[in-house]
Amino acid sequence: MALAAVDRLEDKLAGYHAYHATRADLLRRLGRGQKSRAAYDKAIELAGNTAETAYLTRRRDQLG
């Protein structure tokens, strides 16, 4: 399962916004909206530029 593979990388990539964005997308696809939202929030917090922040915010807000 892709989510399990991503989760195994947490120790090495927890400070990298793309890790959390990838995790958020996988959780969204699995229908885990609340966990997906939390992962998007973390990705937004770590994002380094306004374009990335805006994109991640739009994706998070699509969760409803």
N, C-alpha and C. Protein backbone atom coordinates (compact mmCIF):
# COMPACT_ATOMS: atom_id res chain seq x y z
N MET A 1 0.83 -1.17 0.00
CA MET A 1 0.00 0.00 0.00
C MET A 1 0.89 1.25 0.00
N ALA A 2 0.53 2.21 -0.82
CA ALA A 2 1.34 3.42 -0.98
C ALA A 2 1.44 4.22 0.31
N LEU A 3 0.35 4.33 1.05
CA LEU A 3 0.37 5.10 2.29
C LEU A 3 1.36 4.50 3.28
N ALA A 4 1.38 3.20 3.38
CA ALA A 4 2.31 2.53 4.30
C ALA A 4 3.76 2.81 3.90
N ALA A 5 4.03 2.81 2.59
CA ALA A 5 5.39 3.10 2.11
C ALA A 5 5.78 4.54 2.46
N VAL A 6 4.86 5.47 2.28
CA VAL A 6 5.13 6.87 2.60
C VAL A 6 5.33 7.03 4.11
N ASP A 7 4.49 6.39 4.89
CA ASP A 7 4.59 6.50 6.34
C ASP A 7 5.93 5.99 6.87
N ARG A 8 6.52 5.02 6.19
CA ARG A 8 7.82 4.51 6.61
C ARG A 8 8.93 5.55 6.45
N LEU A 9 8.69 6.57 5.66
CA LEU A 9 9.68 7.61 5.41
C LEU A 9 9.58 8.78 6.38
N GLU A 10 8.61 8.74 7.28
CA GLU A 10 8.36 9.88 8.16
C GLU A 10 9.59 10.34 8.93
N ASP A 11 10.36 9.43 9.48
CA ASP A 11 11.53 9.81 10.27
C ASP A 11 12.51 10.65 9.47
N LYS A 12 12.65 10.34 8.19
CA LYS A 12 13.63 11.04 7.36
C LYS A 12 13.07 12.30 6.70
N LEU A 13 11.74 12.34 6.47
CA LEU A 13 11.17 13.43 5.68
C LEU A 13 10.16 14.30 6.41
N ALA A 14 10.03 14.16 7.70
CA ALA A 14 9.00 14.89 8.45
C ALA A 14 9.11 16.40 8.33
N GLY A 15 10.29 16.93 8.05
CA GLY A 15 10.46 18.37 7.92
C GLY A 15 10.32 18.89 6.50
N TYR A 16 9.91 18.03 5.58
CA TYR A 16 9.83 18.37 4.17
C TYR A 16 8.36 18.47 3.76
N HIS A 17 7.95 19.60 3.23
CA HIS A 17 6.54 19.82 2.93
C HIS A 17 5.98 18.82 1.91
N ALA A 18 6.78 18.39 0.96
CA ALA A 18 6.29 17.47 -0.06
C ALA A 18 5.90 16.12 0.54
N TYR A 19 6.57 15.71 1.59
CA TYR A 19 6.19 14.47 2.28
C TYR A 19 4.75 14.57 2.78
N HIS A 20 4.45 15.68 3.45
CA HIS A 20 3.11 15.86 4.02
C HIS A 20 2.06 16.06 2.93
N ALA A 21 2.44 16.73 1.84
CA ALA A 21 1.51 16.92 0.72
C ALA A 21 1.18 15.58 0.07
N THR A 22 2.18 14.74 -0.10
CA THR A 22 1.96 13.41 -0.67
C THR A 22 1.06 12.57 0.24
N ARG A 23 1.36 12.61 1.50
CA ARG A 23 0.57 11.87 2.48
C ARG A 23 -0.89 12.37 2.49
N ALA A 24 -1.06 13.69 2.43
CA ALA A 24 -2.40 14.28 2.41
C ALA A 24 -3.19 13.80 1.21
N ASP A 25 -2.54 13.76 0.05
CA ASP A 25 -3.23 13.32 -1.16
C ASP A 25 -3.63 11.85 -1.07
N LEU A 26 -2.74 11.03 -0.56
CA LEU A 26 -3.08 9.61 -0.41
C LEU A 26 -4.23 9.42 0.58
N LEU A 27 -4.20 10.15 1.68
CA LEU A 27 -5.29 10.05 2.66
C LEU A 27 -6.61 10.53 2.06
N ARG A 28 -6.55 11.60 1.25
CA ARG A 28 -7.76 12.09 0.57
C ARG A 28 -8.34 11.02 -0.32
N ARG A 29 -7.50 10.35 -1.08
CA ARG A 29 -7.96 9.31 -1.99
C ARG A 29 -8.56 8.12 -1.25
N LEU A 30 -8.12 7.91 -0.02
CA LEU A 30 -8.66 6.82 0.80
C LEU A 30 -9.91 7.23 1.57
N GLY A 31 -10.33 8.49 1.42
CA GLY A 31 -11.53 8.96 2.09
C GLY A 31 -11.32 9.33 3.55
N ARG A 32 -10.10 9.59 3.93
CA ARG A 32 -9.79 9.96 5.31
C ARG A 32 -9.60 11.48 5.40
N GLY A 33 -10.71 12.18 5.28
CA GLY A 33 -10.70 13.64 5.17
C GLY A 33 -10.04 14.37 6.31
N GLN A 34 -10.33 13.97 7.54
CA GLN A 34 -9.78 14.68 8.69
C GLN A 34 -8.25 14.54 8.76
N LYS A 35 -7.76 13.33 8.54
CA LYS A 35 -6.31 13.11 8.55
C LYS A 35 -5.65 13.79 7.35
N SER A 36 -6.34 13.80 6.23
CA SER A 36 -5.83 14.48 5.05
C SER A 36 -5.70 15.98 5.32
N ARG A 37 -6.71 16.56 5.93
CA ARG A 37 -6.68 17.99 6.26
C ARG A 37 -5.49 18.31 7.18
N ALA A 38 -5.25 17.47 8.16
CA ALA A 38 -4.12 17.69 9.08
C ALA A 38 -2.80 17.62 8.34
N ALA A 39 -2.67 16.68 7.41
CA ALA A 39 -1.44 16.56 6.63
C ALA A 39 -1.26 17.76 5.71
N TYR A 40 -2.35 18.23 5.10
CA TYR A 40 -2.27 19.45 4.28
C TYR A 40 -1.85 20.64 5.15
N ASP A 41 -2.41 20.74 6.34
CA ASP A 41 -2.05 21.85 7.24
C ASP A 41 -0.55 21.84 7.54
N LYS A 42 0.01 20.67 7.77
CA LYS A 42 1.44 20.56 8.04
C LYS A 42 2.25 20.92 6.80
N ALA A 43 1.81 20.48 5.64
CA ALA A 43 2.50 20.82 4.39
C ALA A 43 2.49 22.32 4.16
N ILE A 44 1.35 22.95 4.44
CA ILE A 44 1.22 24.40 4.28
C ILE A 44 2.18 25.11 5.24
N GLU A 45 2.24 24.63 6.45
CA GLU A 45 3.14 25.22 7.46
C GLU A 45 4.60 25.17 7.01
N LEU A 46 4.98 24.10 6.33
CA LEU A 46 6.38 23.90 5.94
C LEU A 46 6.71 24.42 4.54
N ALA A 47 5.69 24.74 3.76
CA ALA A 47 5.93 25.19 2.38
C ALA A 47 6.78 26.45 2.36
N GLY A 48 7.66 26.53 1.40
CA GLY A 48 8.61 27.62 1.38
C GLY A 48 8.26 28.80 0.49
N ASN A 49 7.17 28.72 -0.26
CA ASN A 49 6.84 29.85 -1.11
C ASN A 49 5.33 30.02 -1.23
N THR A 50 4.94 31.18 -1.67
CA THR A 50 3.51 31.51 -1.70
C THR A 50 2.74 30.69 -2.73
N ALA A 51 3.36 30.35 -3.84
CA ALA A 51 2.66 29.55 -4.85
C ALA A 51 2.34 28.16 -4.31
N GLU A 52 3.30 27.56 -3.67
CA GLU A 52 3.09 26.22 -3.09
C GLU A 52 2.04 26.29 -1.99
N THR A 53 2.12 27.30 -1.16
CA THR A 53 1.14 27.48 -0.08
C THR A 53 -0.26 27.64 -0.65
N ALA A 54 -0.40 28.44 -1.70
CA ALA A 54 -1.71 28.65 -2.32
C ALA A 54 -2.27 27.36 -2.90
N TYR A 55 -1.42 26.59 -3.59
CA TYR A 55 -1.85 25.32 -4.16
C TYR A 55 -2.32 24.35 -3.08
N LEU A 56 -1.52 24.21 -2.04
CA LEU A 56 -1.86 23.28 -0.96
C LEU A 56 -3.13 23.73 -0.23
N THR A 57 -3.30 25.02 -0.07
CA THR A 57 -4.51 25.54 0.57
C THR A 57 -5.74 25.22 -0.27
N ARG A 58 -5.63 25.39 -1.58
CA ARG A 58 -6.76 25.03 -2.46
C ARG A 58 -7.10 23.55 -2.35
N ARG A 59 -6.08 22.72 -2.36
CA ARG A 59 -6.31 21.26 -2.25
C ARG A 59 -6.99 20.93 -0.92
N ARG A 60 -6.51 21.53 0.15
CA ARG A 60 -7.11 21.29 1.46
C ARG A 60 -8.56 21.75 1.50
N ASP A 61 -8.81 22.92 0.93
CA ASP A 61 -10.16 23.47 0.96
C ASP A 61 -11.15 22.68 0.09
N GLN A 62 -10.65 21.91 -0.84
CA GLN A 62 -11.51 21.04 -1.67
C GLN A 62 -12.07 19.88 -0.86
N LEU A 63 -11.49 19.63 0.30
CA LEU A 63 -11.98 18.54 1.13
C LEU A 63 -13.37 18.84 1.69
N GLY A 64 -13.72 20.09 1.72
CA GLY A 64 -15.04 20.49 2.22
C GLY A 64 -15.10 20.84 3.66
